[in-house]
Each structure stands twice: as C-alpha cells, then as structure tokens.
Amino acid sequence: MAEIRNQVLEGRQLLDGNSFIDCEFRNAQLVFKGVEQPGFANCKFTRSRFVFEDNAAVTVNLLRGMLRPETGMRSFVTGMMPEIGV
C-alpha cells in the first residue's frame, strides 16, 4: 500500500491499495476497482466523483439491481448496510 500525503490530486486517481492522508482531490475521478481497500484520513473532496471499475463495478451494479422496488430486496440491502441511507 502506497502512502500519499499532503498532495493536491486531480484527474484520474487509482485508489486501490493506497492510503491518502491530508490530501485534496480536485476535479478528480476516484477510480476503485475492488482489488484492495483504500484508506482516507483528513482528505478534502472538491468537484470529484467515484468511478467503479472491474470487480467494484460488478458489486455496485448488483446492489443497484437489488435496490429496484420490483425485486423486493430493498429492505434486505438497506438492513445489511444501514449506513448507505437509501
């Protein structure tokens, strides 16, 4: 795991396995592939967004599908992860 400290990061930033400390993400695409969890401490996010690719995209799409009303699984998903506050 790389440790990245006190930097302003812009553009495409690969998150997997990295630890970001006291960083600012500006106009960044925060790319998570689901290989290894990143870490964040005291970071600022300005006009940035998450991008899920590979394994992470599969997981996010599965959860999105489960949240559709017709599946009857919404309460199961929100009960499993109440912090998402759907």
Protein backbone atom coordinates (compact mmCIF):
# COMPACT_ATOMS: atom_id res chain seq x y z
CA MET A 1 0.00 0.00 0.00
CA ALA A 2 1.42 3.38 -1.05
CA GLU A 3 1.01 6.26 1.36
CA ILE A 4 0.25 9.59 -0.28
CA ARG A 5 0.42 12.68 1.95
CA ASN A 6 -0.26 16.40 1.64
CA GLN A 7 -0.94 16.46 -2.08
CA VAL A 8 -3.48 18.05 -4.37
CA LEU A 9 -4.65 15.32 -6.74
CA GLU A 10 -6.52 15.99 -9.98
CA GLY A 11 -7.74 13.87 -12.87
CA ARG A 12 -7.87 10.07 -12.76
CA GLN A 13 -6.67 8.70 -9.42
CA LEU A 14 -6.37 4.96 -8.80
CA LEU A 15 -7.44 4.25 -5.23
CA ASP A 16 -6.93 0.51 -4.72
CA GLY A 17 -4.36 -0.25 -2.06
CA ASN A 18 -3.35 3.36 -1.47
CA SER A 19 -3.63 5.41 1.69
CA PHE A 20 -4.37 9.12 1.29
CA ILE A 21 -3.57 11.41 4.22
CA ASP A 22 -4.24 15.15 4.32
CA CYS A 23 -4.83 15.22 0.56
CA GLU A 24 -7.18 17.31 -1.52
CA PHE A 25 -8.91 15.78 -4.52
CA ARG A 26 -9.86 18.47 -7.07
CA ASN A 27 -11.85 17.63 -10.18
CA ALA A 28 -10.74 14.05 -9.67
CA GLN A 29 -12.13 10.76 -10.86
CA LEU A 30 -11.62 8.44 -7.87
CA VAL A 31 -11.22 5.05 -9.53
CA PHE A 32 -11.90 1.99 -7.38
CA LYS A 33 -11.52 -1.44 -8.97
CA GLY A 34 -12.36 -3.57 -5.93
CA VAL A 35 -8.94 -5.19 -5.59
CA GLU A 36 -7.78 -3.70 -2.29
CA GLN A 37 -9.47 -1.23 0.02
CA PRO A 38 -8.03 2.30 0.04
CA GLY A 39 -7.65 4.46 3.12
CA PHE A 40 -8.51 8.12 3.64
CA ALA A 41 -7.63 10.39 6.57
CA ASN A 42 -8.44 14.09 6.75
CA CYS A 43 -8.97 14.46 2.98
CA LYS A 44 -10.96 17.13 1.13
CA PHE A 45 -13.03 16.40 -1.99
CA THR A 46 -13.83 19.24 -4.41
CA ARG A 47 -15.85 18.54 -7.58
CA SER A 48 -14.70 14.91 -7.54
CA ARG A 49 -16.58 11.68 -8.13
CA PHE A 50 -16.14 7.96 -7.67
CA VAL A 51 -15.75 5.68 -10.68
CA PHE A 52 -16.25 1.96 -10.09
CA GLU A 53 -14.49 -0.41 -12.47
CA ASP A 54 -13.87 -4.16 -12.75
CA ASN A 55 -14.88 -6.07 -9.57
CA ALA A 56 -16.14 -2.92 -7.87
CA ALA A 57 -18.44 -2.14 -10.81
CA VAL A 58 -19.92 -5.65 -10.68
CA THR A 59 -20.66 -5.25 -6.96
CA VAL A 60 -22.18 -1.78 -7.32
CA ASN A 61 -24.37 -2.95 -10.21
CA LEU A 62 -25.54 -5.96 -8.19
CA LEU A 63 -26.55 -3.69 -5.29
CA ARG A 64 -28.28 -1.23 -7.64
CA GLY A 65 -30.26 -4.09 -9.12
CA MET A 66 -31.22 -5.36 -5.67
CA LEU A 67 -32.50 -1.88 -4.70
CA ARG A 68 -35.07 -1.78 -7.51
CA PRO A 69 -38.58 -1.91 -6.00
CA GLU A 70 -39.70 -4.89 -8.09
CA THR A 71 -37.04 -7.17 -6.56
CA GLY A 72 -38.48 -6.97 -3.05
CA MET A 73 -34.88 -6.80 -1.77
CA ARG A 74 -34.61 -3.09 -0.87
CA SER A 75 -35.15 -3.65 2.87
CA PHE A 76 -32.68 -6.53 2.82
CA VAL A 77 -29.95 -4.34 1.27
CA THR A 78 -30.62 -1.33 3.50
CA GLY A 79 -30.75 -3.63 6.55
CA MET A 80 -27.44 -5.18 5.55
CA MET A 81 -25.84 -1.74 5.13
CA PRO A 82 -27.91 0.82 7.04
CA GLU A 83 -25.15 3.43 6.67
CA ILE A 84 -25.96 3.87 2.97
CA GLY A 85 -29.25 5.52 4.00
CA VAL A 86 -31.29 4.61 0.95
